[in-house]
Amino acid sequence: MEIPSIPLGAIIEAFINFLVDNLAGVTKAFSAIVESMLELIEDGLLSMPPWVLIIAITALAFYLSRKNRGITIFTALGLLLIWNIELWAATVSTISLVLIATFVAILIGVPLGIAAAVSKVVNRIVMPILDVMQTMPAFVYLIPAIPFFGLGKVAAIFSTVVFAMPPAIRLTALGIQQVPKELVECAEAFGSNRWQRLVKLEMPLATPTIMAGVNQTVMLALSMVVIAAMIGARGLGGEVWKAIQRMRMGDGFEAGIGIVIIAIILDRVLQKVGQRTKA
């Protein structure tokens, strides 16, 4: 007996085509906004001499890391190395892409995490979707990005946002749910309403966990830069992809080292920011 196969792929393709046909206006508007933001950030950063930007980023790392000498020295030396090996423009492009993707992911993820924490219905809907998002191979996210936005940086940002957003949602919800019930009951006893409890009690106490989610979102966005380069993201990921295609192993490792330096700087600085909010 032959069991008829379910045309799952055809159904998904028809659904994506339906969305593309009916959401063209929304995707064009999103694309225009994201492109404008990206150009603004890239042009602004590239208009400054690299040494000025290196000093500014190092000073920011010094402040945010609470005057941690190790992080500050690593930031300065790492950025100087990137400039020295002539990857400065690609690094600025990558930082711009990661900043925008992280901003959009947090803008969507944190409110969704709050909704998942305060509503059981939202939680039951969102969590299975997050399970799918976190187990789906990253390459698959490139498929719907292309028909929606075409090849280029906007499609790369879209796929990066989808890939990097789950930790922001999960850890925001977790942070709020872990607030001690005794404190919540105490706030209720003093007559605070749901909004006041959320803003004045739960969100401040959950901030370190939310910052851990932000950190994870940034790291996932950075890990996506090489994959996103396949659809035109450029930047350091584009340099790695170009080196692979031309079998230039040295160039590929140089760009890879650049990604590692940026990842370490962002990770260590965000960890310190998270510790500061906890303190």
C-alpha atoms as a PDB file:
ATOM      1  CA  MET A   1       0.000   0.000   0.000  1.00  0.00           C
ATOM      2  CA  GLU A   2       1.428   3.301  -1.067  1.00  0.00           C
ATOM      3  CA  ILE A   3       0.915   6.202   1.325  1.00  0.00           C
ATOM      4  CA  PRO A   4       0.455   9.524  -0.487  1.00  0.00           C
ATOM      5  CA  SER A   5       3.101  12.036   0.490  1.00  0.00           C
ATOM      6  CA  ILE A   6       2.064  15.306   2.053  1.00  0.00           C
ATOM      7  CA  PRO A   7       3.061  18.236  -0.210  1.00  0.00           C
ATOM      8  CA  LEU A   8       4.549  20.118   2.751  1.00  0.00           C
ATOM      9  CA  GLY A   9       7.129  21.977   0.672  1.00  0.00           C
ATOM     10  CA  ALA A  10       4.508  23.087  -1.866  1.00  0.00           C
ATOM     11  CA  ILE A  11       2.223  24.302   0.946  1.00  0.00           C
ATOM     12  CA  ILE A  12       5.018  26.323   2.572  1.00  0.00           C
ATOM     13  CA  GLU A  13       6.037  27.800  -0.803  1.00  0.00           C
ATOM     14  CA  ALA A  14       2.430  28.776  -1.553  1.00  0.00           C
ATOM     15  CA  PHE A  15       2.179  30.399   1.906  1.00  0.00           C
ATOM     16  CA  ILE A  16       5.401  32.379   1.357  1.00  0.00           C
ATOM     17  CA  ASN A  17       4.220  33.461  -2.105  1.00  0.00           C
ATOM     18  CA  PHE A  18       0.903  34.577  -0.579  1.00  0.00           C
ATOM     19  CA  LEU A  19       2.746  36.661   2.018  1.00  0.00           C
ATOM     20  CA  VAL A  20       5.076  38.140  -0.604  1.00  0.00           C
ATOM     21  CA  ASP A  21       2.111  39.096  -2.845  1.00  0.00           C
ATOM     22  CA  ASN A  22       0.089  40.650  -0.029  1.00  0.00           C
ATOM     23  CA  LEU A  23       2.796  42.217   2.117  1.00  0.00           C
ATOM     24  CA  ALA A  24       4.800  43.893  -0.628  1.00  0.00           C
ATOM     25  CA  GLY A  25       3.982  47.359   0.723  1.00  0.00           C
ATOM     26  CA  VAL A  26       5.103  46.469   4.243  1.00  0.00           C
ATOM     27  CA  THR A  27       8.328  44.805   3.103  1.00  0.00           C
ATOM     28  CA  LYS A  28       9.180  47.775   0.849  1.00  0.00           C
ATOM     29  CA  ALA A  29       8.603  50.212   3.715  1.00  0.00           C
ATOM     30  CA  PHE A  30      10.682  48.056   6.097  1.00  0.00           C
ATOM     31  CA  SER A  31      13.399  47.769   3.454  1.00  0.00           C
ATOM     32  CA  ALA A  32      13.503  51.542   2.893  1.00  0.00           C
ATOM     33  CA  ILE A  33      13.701  52.292   6.641  1.00  0.00           C
ATOM     34  CA  VAL A  34      16.412  49.712   7.288  1.00  0.00           C
ATOM     35  CA  GLU A  35      18.477  50.813   4.266  1.00  0.00           C
ATOM     36  CA  SER A  36      18.282  54.435   5.407  1.00  0.00           C
ATOM     37  CA  MET A  37      19.374  53.532   8.938  1.00  0.00           C
ATOM     38  CA  LEU A  38      22.196  51.367   7.620  1.00  0.00           C
ATOM     39  CA  GLU A  39      23.496  54.048   5.241  1.00  0.00           C
ATOM     40  CA  LEU A  40      23.259  56.682   7.966  1.00  0.00           C
ATOM     41  CA  ILE A  41      25.263  54.621  10.455  1.00  0.00           C
ATOM     42  CA  GLU A  42      27.837  53.412   7.906  1.00  0.00           C
ATOM     43  CA  ASP A  43      28.377  56.828   6.335  1.00  0.00           C
ATOM     44  CA  GLY A  44      28.621  58.464   9.749  1.00  0.00           C
ATOM     45  CA  LEU A  45      31.200  55.981  11.033  1.00  0.00           C
ATOM     46  CA  LEU A  46      33.238  55.933   7.816  1.00  0.00           C
ATOM     47  CA  SER A  47      33.303  59.734   7.635  1.00  0.00           C
ATOM     48  CA  MET A  48      35.489  59.765  10.745  1.00  0.00           C
ATOM     49  CA  PRO A  49      39.194  58.894  10.598  1.00  0.00           C
ATOM     50  CA  PRO A  50      39.672  55.332  11.909  1.00  0.00           C
ATOM     51  CA  TRP A  51      41.930  56.480  14.766  1.00  0.00           C
ATOM     52  CA  VAL A  52      39.220  58.836  16.029  1.00  0.00           C
ATOM     53  CA  LEU A  53      36.650  56.046  16.042  1.00  0.00           C
ATOM     54  CA  ILE A  54      39.100  53.659  17.713  1.00  0.00           C
ATOM     55  CA  ILE A  55      39.686  56.173  20.519  1.00  0.00           C
ATOM     56  CA  ALA A  56      35.940  56.755  20.874  1.00  0.00           C
ATOM     57  CA  ILE A  57      35.108  53.021  21.001  1.00  0.00           C
ATOM     58  CA  THR A  58      37.959  52.373  23.435  1.00  0.00           C
ATOM     59  CA  ALA A  59      36.763  55.196  25.696  1.00  0.00           C
ATOM     60  CA  LEU A  60      33.219  53.791  25.554  1.00  0.00           C
ATOM     61  CA  ALA A  61      34.514  50.307  26.409  1.00  0.00           C
ATOM     62  CA  PHE A  62      36.518  51.831  29.299  1.00  0.00           C
ATOM     63  CA  TYR A  63      33.393  53.512  30.686  1.00  0.00           C
ATOM     64  CA  LEU A  64      30.936  50.636  30.167  1.00  0.00           C
ATOM     65  CA  SER A  65      33.367  48.036  31.537  1.00  0.00           C
ATOM     66  CA  ARG A  66      33.774  50.110  34.717  1.00  0.00           C
ATOM     67  CA  LYS A  67      37.385  51.035  33.939  1.00  0.00           C
ATOM     68  CA  ASN A  68      38.451  47.449  33.307  1.00  0.00           C
ATOM     69  CA  ARG A  69      42.015  47.744  31.978  1.00  0.00           C
ATOM     70  CA  GLY A  70      42.070  44.345  30.306  1.00  0.00           C
ATOM     71  CA  ILE A  71      38.965  45.013  28.197  1.00  0.00           C
ATOM     72  CA  THR A  72      40.114  48.545  27.386  1.00  0.00           C
ATOM     73  CA  ILE A  73      43.582  47.469  26.218  1.00  0.00           C
ATOM     74  CA  PHE A  74      42.155  44.563  24.213  1.00  0.00           C
ATOM     75  CA  THR A  75      39.646  46.895  22.546  1.00  0.00           C
ATOM     76  CA  ALA A  76      42.338  49.363  21.510  1.00  0.00           C
ATOM     77  CA  LEU A  77      44.827  46.732  20.292  1.00  0.00           C
ATOM     78  CA  GLY A  78      42.145  44.660  18.557  1.00  0.00           C
ATOM     79  CA  LEU A  79      40.745  47.611  16.621  1.00  0.00           C
ATOM     80  CA  LEU A  80      44.251  48.807  15.720  1.00  0.00           C
ATOM     81  CA  LEU A  81      45.006  45.328  14.336  1.00  0.00           C
ATOM     82  CA  ILE A  82      41.820  45.397  12.235  1.00  0.00           C
ATOM     83  CA  TRP A  83      42.810  48.812  10.857  1.00  0.00           C
ATOM     84  CA  ASN A  84      46.354  47.606  10.195  1.00  0.00           C
ATOM     85  CA  ILE A  85      45.215  44.609   8.109  1.00  0.00           C
ATOM     86  CA  GLU A  86      42.968  46.909   6.043  1.00  0.00           C
ATOM     87  CA  LEU A  87      39.631  45.521   7.182  1.00  0.00           C
ATOM     88  CA  TRP A  88      38.354  48.735   8.722  1.00  0.00           C
ATOM     89  CA  ALA A  89      35.587  49.460   6.176  1.00  0.00           C
ATOM     90  CA  ALA A  90      34.394  45.845   6.283  1.00  0.00           C
ATOM     91  CA  THR A  91      34.396  45.962  10.105  1.00  0.00           C
ATOM     92  CA  VAL A  92      32.346  49.169  10.167  1.00  0.00           C
ATOM     93  CA  SER A  93      29.871  47.555   7.750  1.00  0.00           C
ATOM     94  CA  THR A  94      29.597  44.480   9.992  1.00  0.00           C
ATOM     95  CA  ILE A  95      29.171  46.557  13.164  1.00  0.00           C
ATOM     96  CA  SER A  96      26.425  48.611  11.467  1.00  0.00           C
ATOM     97  CA  LEU A  97      24.589  45.475  10.350  1.00  0.00           C
ATOM     98  CA  VAL A  98      24.884  43.847  13.781  1.00  0.00           C
ATOM     99  CA  LEU A  99      23.749  47.028  15.547  1.00  0.00           C
ATOM    100  CA  ILE A 100      20.615  47.353  13.406  1.00  0.00           C
ATOM    101  CA  ALA A 101      19.779  43.636  13.529  1.00  0.00           C
ATOM    102  CA  THR A 102      20.231  43.608  17.311  1.00  0.00           C
ATOM    103  CA  PHE A 103      18.169  46.791  17.706  1.00  0.00           C
ATOM    104  CA  VAL A 104      15.255  45.344  15.696  1.00  0.00           C
ATOM    105  CA  ALA A 105      15.529  41.963  17.465  1.00  0.00           C
ATOM    106  CA  ILE A 106      15.411  43.618  20.893  1.00  0.00           C
ATOM    107  CA  LEU A 107      12.653  46.018  19.815  1.00  0.00           C
ATOM    108  CA  ILE A 108      10.473  43.017  18.942  1.00  0.00           C
ATOM    109  CA  GLY A 109      11.882  40.462  21.381  1.00  0.00           C
ATOM    110  CA  VAL A 110      11.694  42.281  24.718  1.00  0.00           C
ATOM    111  CA  PRO A 111       7.988  43.266  24.443  1.00  0.00           C
ATOM    112  CA  LEU A 112       7.190  39.738  23.272  1.00  0.00           C
ATOM    113  CA  GLY A 113       9.107  38.355  26.252  1.00  0.00           C
ATOM    114  CA  ILE A 114       7.154  40.616  28.606  1.00  0.00           C
ATOM    115  CA  ALA A 115       3.874  39.484  27.018  1.00  0.00           C
ATOM    116  CA  ALA A 116       4.953  35.834  27.345  1.00  0.00           C
ATOM    117  CA  ALA A 117       5.770  36.384  31.022  1.00  0.00           C
ATOM    118  CA  VAL A 118       2.476  38.033  31.981  1.00  0.00           C
ATOM    119  CA  SER A 119       0.112  36.012  29.760  1.00  0.00           C
ATOM    120  CA  LYS A 120      -0.128  32.222  29.779  1.00  0.00           C
ATOM    121  CA  VAL A 121      -1.898  32.259  26.407  1.00  0.00           C
ATOM    122  CA  VAL A 122       0.908  34.242  24.755  1.00  0.00           C
ATOM    123  CA  ASN A 123       3.470  32.007  26.469  1.00  0.00           C
ATOM    124  CA  ARG A 124       1.854  28.846  25.064  1.00  0.00           C
ATOM    125  CA  ILE A 125       1.843  30.349  21.553  1.00  0.00           C
ATOM    126  CA  VAL A 126       5.313  31.908  21.578  1.00  0.00           C
ATOM    127  CA  MET A 127       7.431  29.165  23.196  1.00  0.00           C
ATOM    128  CA  PRO A 128       6.797  26.436  20.570  1.00  0.00           C
ATOM    129  CA  ILE A 129       7.572  28.981  17.844  1.00  0.00           C
ATOM    130  CA  LEU A 130      10.857  29.799  19.607  1.00  0.00           C
ATOM    131  CA  ASP A 131      11.671  26.081  19.755  1.00  0.00           C
ATOM    132  CA  VAL A 132      11.283  25.914  15.971  1.00  0.00           C
ATOM    133  CA  MET A 133      13.298  29.108  15.449  1.00  0.00           C
ATOM    134  CA  GLN A 134      16.188  27.850  17.604  1.00  0.00           C
ATOM    135  CA  THR A 135      16.382  24.382  16.065  1.00  0.00           C
ATOM    136  CA  MET A 136      15.939  25.439  12.436  1.00  0.00           C
ATOM    137  CA  PRO A 137      19.274  25.474  10.524  1.00  0.00           C
ATOM    138  CA  ALA A 138      20.452  29.065  10.075  1.00  0.00           C
ATOM    139  CA  PHE A 139      20.724  28.660   6.282  1.00  0.00           C
ATOM    140  CA  VAL A 140      16.960  28.125   6.049  1.00  0.00           C
ATOM    141  CA  TYR A 141      16.328  31.692   7.201  1.00  0.00           C
ATOM    142  CA  LEU A 142      17.947  32.940   3.996  1.00  0.00           C
ATOM    143  CA  ILE A 143      15.179  31.337   1.892  1.00  0.00           C
ATOM    144  CA  PRO A 144      12.203  33.566   2.856  1.00  0.00           C
ATOM    145  CA  ALA A 145      14.451  36.648   3.111  1.00  0.00           C
ATOM    146  CA  ILE A 146      15.243  36.623  -0.612  1.00  0.00           C
ATOM    147  CA  PRO A 147      11.654  36.760  -2.018  1.00  0.00           C
ATOM    148  CA  PHE A 148      10.683  39.383   0.587  1.00  0.00           C
ATOM    149  CA  PHE A 149      13.671  41.711   0.202  1.00  0.00           C
ATOM    150  CA  GLY A 150      15.823  40.397  -2.654  1.00  0.00           C
ATOM    151  CA  LEU A 151      19.581  39.959  -2.417  1.00  0.00           C
ATOM    152  CA  GLY A 152      21.429  42.466  -0.250  1.00  0.00           C
ATOM    153  CA  LYS A 153      21.910  43.799   3.239  1.00  0.00           C
ATOM    154  CA  VAL A 154      18.228  44.183   4.116  1.00  0.00           C
ATOM    155  CA  ALA A 155      17.583  40.498   3.440  1.00  0.00           C
ATOM    156  CA  ALA A 156      20.675  39.707   5.536  1.00  0.00           C
ATOM    157  CA  ILE A 157      19.376  41.853   8.402  1.00  0.00           C
ATOM    158  CA  PHE A 158      15.942  40.197   8.194  1.00  0.00           C
ATOM    159  CA  SER A 159      17.407  36.680   8.422  1.00  0.00           C
ATOM    160  CA  THR A 160      19.786  37.799  11.200  1.00  0.00           C
ATOM    161  CA  VAL A 161      16.905  39.267  13.216  1.00  0.00           C
ATOM    162  CA  VAL A 162      14.892  36.046  12.980  1.00  0.00           C
ATOM    163  CA  PHE A 163      17.938  33.959  13.904  1.00  0.00           C
ATOM    164  CA  ALA A 164      19.087  36.153  16.809  1.00  0.00           C
ATOM    165  CA  MET A 165      15.752  37.126  18.405  1.00  0.00           C
ATOM    166  CA  PRO A 166      14.807  33.999  20.481  1.00  0.00           C
ATOM    167  CA  PRO A 167      17.229  34.633  23.424  1.00  0.00           C
ATOM    168  CA  ALA A 168      15.847  38.163  23.879  1.00  0.00           C
ATOM    169  CA  ILE A 169      12.313  36.751  24.178  1.00  0.00           C
ATOM    170  CA  ARG A 170      13.179  33.748  26.347  1.00  0.00           C
ATOM    171  CA  LEU A 171      15.433  35.534  28.836  1.00  0.00           C
ATOM    172  CA  THR A 172      13.075  38.516  29.183  1.00  0.00           C
ATOM    173  CA  ALA A 173      10.219  36.159  30.027  1.00  0.00           C
ATOM    174  CA  LEU A 174      12.453  34.124  32.336  1.00  0.00           C
ATOM    175  CA  GLY A 175      13.741  37.188  34.182  1.00  0.00           C
ATOM    176  CA  ILE A 176      10.218  38.454  34.929  1.00  0.00           C
ATOM    177  CA  GLN A 177       8.945  35.006  35.905  1.00  0.00           C
ATOM    178  CA  GLN A 178      11.847  34.574  38.359  1.00  0.00           C
ATOM    179  CA  VAL A 179      10.951  37.654  40.405  1.00  0.00           C
ATOM    180  CA  PRO A 180      10.202  36.327  43.932  1.00  0.00           C
ATOM    181  CA  LYS A 181       6.471  35.932  44.552  1.00  0.00           C
ATOM    182  CA  GLU A 182       6.863  37.437  48.027  1.00  0.00           C
ATOM    183  CA  LEU A 183       7.961  40.744  46.492  1.00  0.00           C
ATOM    184  CA  VAL A 184       5.075  40.683  44.009  1.00  0.00           C
ATOM    185  CA  GLU A 185       2.586  39.988  46.827  1.00  0.00           C
ATOM    186  CA  CYS A 186       4.136  42.783  48.867  1.00  0.00           C
ATOM    187  CA  ALA A 187       3.695  45.204  45.967  1.00  0.00           C
ATOM    188  CA  GLU A 188       0.082  44.069  45.564  1.00  0.00           C
ATOM    189  CA  ALA A 189      -0.507  44.584  49.285  1.00  0.00           C
ATOM    190  CA  PHE A 190       0.615  48.211  48.901  1.00  0.00           C
ATOM    191  CA  GLY A 191      -1.999  48.700  46.187  1.00  0.00           C
ATOM    192  CA  SER A 192       0.163  48.768  43.038  1.00  0.00           C
ATOM    193  CA  ASN A 193      -1.581  47.789  39.824  1.00  0.00           C
ATOM    194  CA  ARG A 194      -0.228  45.383  37.172  1.00  0.00           C
ATOM    195  CA  TRP A 195       1.537  48.090  35.168  1.00  0.00           C
ATOM    196  CA  GLN A 196       3.214  49.569  38.264  1.00  0.00           C
ATOM    197  CA  ARG A 197       4.413  46.120  39.380  1.00  0.00           C
ATOM    198  CA  LEU A 198       5.842  45.460  35.939  1.00  0.00           C
ATOM    199  CA  VAL A 199       7.634  48.799  35.509  1.00  0.00           C
ATOM    200  CA  LYS A 200       8.755  49.505  39.075  1.00  0.00           C
ATOM    201  CA  LEU A 201       9.425  45.997  40.418  1.00  0.00           C
ATOM    202  CA  GLU A 202       9.657  43.185  37.865  1.00  0.00           C
ATOM    203  CA  MET A 203      11.527  44.933  35.053  1.00  0.00           C
ATOM    204  CA  PRO A 204      14.289  46.382  37.293  1.00  0.00           C
ATOM    205  CA  LEU A 205      14.823  43.018  39.000  1.00  0.00           C
ATOM    206  CA  ALA A 206      14.798  41.213  35.649  1.00  0.00           C
ATOM    207  CA  THR A 207      17.261  43.620  33.996  1.00  0.00           C
ATOM    208  CA  PRO A 208      20.412  41.449  34.510  1.00  0.00           C
ATOM    209  CA  THR A 209      18.655  38.468  32.886  1.00  0.00           C
ATOM    210  CA  ILE A 210      17.347  40.685  30.082  1.00  0.00           C
ATOM    211  CA  MET A 211      20.900  41.972  29.520  1.00  0.00           C
ATOM    212  CA  ALA A 212      22.095  38.363  29.270  1.00  0.00           C
ATOM    213  CA  GLY A 213      19.481  37.919  26.530  1.00  0.00           C
ATOM    214  CA  VAL A 214      20.731  41.048  24.769  1.00  0.00           C
ATOM    215  CA  ASN A 215      24.279  39.679  24.964  1.00  0.00           C
ATOM    216  CA  GLN A 216      23.190  36.377  23.432  1.00  0.00           C
ATOM    217  CA  THR A 217      21.290  38.228  20.699  1.00  0.00           C
ATOM    218  CA  VAL A 218      24.414  40.197  19.768  1.00  0.00           C
ATOM    219  CA  MET A 219      26.548  37.040  19.692  1.00  0.00           C
ATOM    220  CA  LEU A 220      24.036  35.203  17.481  1.00  0.00           C
ATOM    221  CA  ALA A 221      23.836  38.223  15.152  1.00  0.00           C
ATOM    222  CA  LEU A 222      27.632  38.169  14.827  1.00  0.00           C
ATOM    223  CA  SER A 223      27.658  34.427  14.206  1.00  0.00           C
ATOM    224  CA  MET A 224      25.255  34.999  11.302  1.00  0.00           C
ATOM    225  CA  VAL A 225      27.476  37.456   9.393  1.00  0.00           C
ATOM    226  CA  VAL A 226      29.274  34.809   7.318  1.00  0.00           C
ATOM    227  CA  ILE A 227      26.047  32.980   6.428  1.00  0.00           C
ATOM    228  CA  ALA A 228      24.311  36.267   5.627  1.00  0.00           C
ATOM    229  CA  ALA A 229      27.212  37.163   3.323  1.00  0.00           C
ATOM    230  CA  MET A 230      25.886  34.543   0.894  1.00  0.00           C
ATOM    231  CA  ILE A 231      22.961  36.840   0.112  1.00  0.00           C
ATOM    232  CA  GLY A 232      24.976  40.051  -0.093  1.00  0.00           C
ATOM    233  CA  ALA A 233      25.636  41.179   3.490  1.00  0.00           C
ATOM    234  CA  ARG A 234      29.286  42.049   2.703  1.00  0.00           C
ATOM    235  CA  GLY A 235      31.370  43.267   5.657  1.00  0.00           C
ATOM    236  CA  LEU A 236      33.729  40.836   7.396  1.00  0.00           C
ATOM    237  CA  GLY A 237      31.419  37.940   6.545  1.00  0.00           C
ATOM    238  CA  GLY A 238      31.646  38.952   2.891  1.00  0.00           C
ATOM    239  CA  GLU A 239      35.457  38.925   3.124  1.00  0.00           C
ATOM    240  CA  VAL A 240      35.370  35.384   4.555  1.00  0.00           C
ATOM    241  CA  TRP A 241      32.936  34.235   1.858  1.00  0.00           C
ATOM    242  CA  LYS A 242      35.075  35.856  -0.866  1.00  0.00           C
ATOM    243  CA  ALA A 243      38.205  34.156   0.492  1.00  0.00           C
ATOM    244  CA  ILE A 244      36.471  30.769   0.471  1.00  0.00           C
ATOM    245  CA  GLN A 245      35.366  31.215  -3.140  1.00  0.00           C
ATOM    246  CA  ARG A 246      38.903  32.226  -4.227  1.00  0.00           C
ATOM    247  CA  MET A 247      40.727  29.766  -1.939  1.00  0.00           C
ATOM    248  CA  ARG A 248      42.634  32.575  -0.189  1.00  0.00           C
ATOM    249  CA  MET A 249      43.004  30.980   3.217  1.00  0.00           C
ATOM    250  CA  GLY A 250      45.051  33.800   4.744  1.00  0.00           C
ATOM    251  CA  ASP A 251      42.488  36.448   3.802  1.00  0.00           C
ATOM    252  CA  GLY A 252      39.714  34.279   5.212  1.00  0.00           C
ATOM    253  CA  PHE A 253      41.505  33.854   8.547  1.00  0.00           C
ATOM    254  CA  GLU A 254      42.207  37.594   8.743  1.00  0.00           C
ATOM    255  CA  ALA A 255      38.503  38.399   8.339  1.00  0.00           C
ATOM    256  CA  GLY A 256      37.654  35.616  10.801  1.00  0.00           C
ATOM    257  CA  ILE A 257      40.021  37.112  13.369  1.00  0.00           C
ATOM    258  CA  GLY A 258      38.303  40.471  12.840  1.00  0.00           C
ATOM    259  CA  ILE A 259      34.921  38.874  13.663  1.00  0.00           C
ATOM    260  CA  VAL A 260      36.397  37.236  16.768  1.00  0.00           C
ATOM    261  CA  ILE A 261      37.841  40.548  17.993  1.00  0.00           C
ATOM    262  CA  ILE A 262      34.492  42.325  17.590  1.00  0.00           C
ATOM    263  CA  ALA A 263      32.683  39.429  19.286  1.00  0.00           C
ATOM    264  CA  ILE A 264      35.050  39.426  22.292  1.00  0.00           C
ATOM    265  CA  ILE A 265      34.803  43.199  22.729  1.00  0.00           C
ATOM    266  CA  LEU A 266      30.991  43.213  22.598  1.00  0.00           C
ATOM    267  CA  ASP A 267      30.686  40.131  24.812  1.00  0.00           C
ATOM    268  CA  ARG A 268      32.997  41.390  27.567  1.00  0.00           C
ATOM    269  CA  VAL A 269      31.559  44.904  27.562  1.00  0.00           C
ATOM    270  CA  LEU A 270      27.945  43.663  27.657  1.00  0.00           C
ATOM    271  CA  GLN A 271      28.834  41.259  30.469  1.00  0.00           C
ATOM    272  CA  LYS A 272      30.147  44.172  32.498  1.00  0.00           C
ATOM    273  CA  VAL A 273      27.007  46.194  31.740  1.00  0.00           C
ATOM    274  CA  GLY A 274      24.907  43.245  32.920  1.00  0.00           C
ATOM    275  CA  GLN A 275      26.937  43.000  36.146  1.00  0.00           C
ATOM    276  CA  ARG A 276      26.501  46.730  36.688  1.00  0.00           C
ATOM    277  CA  THR A 277      22.698  46.472  36.431  1.00  0.00           C
ATOM    278  CA  LYS A 278      22.791  43.506  38.827  1.00  0.00           C
ATOM    279  CA  ALA A 279      24.809  45.502  41.343  1.00  0.00           C
END
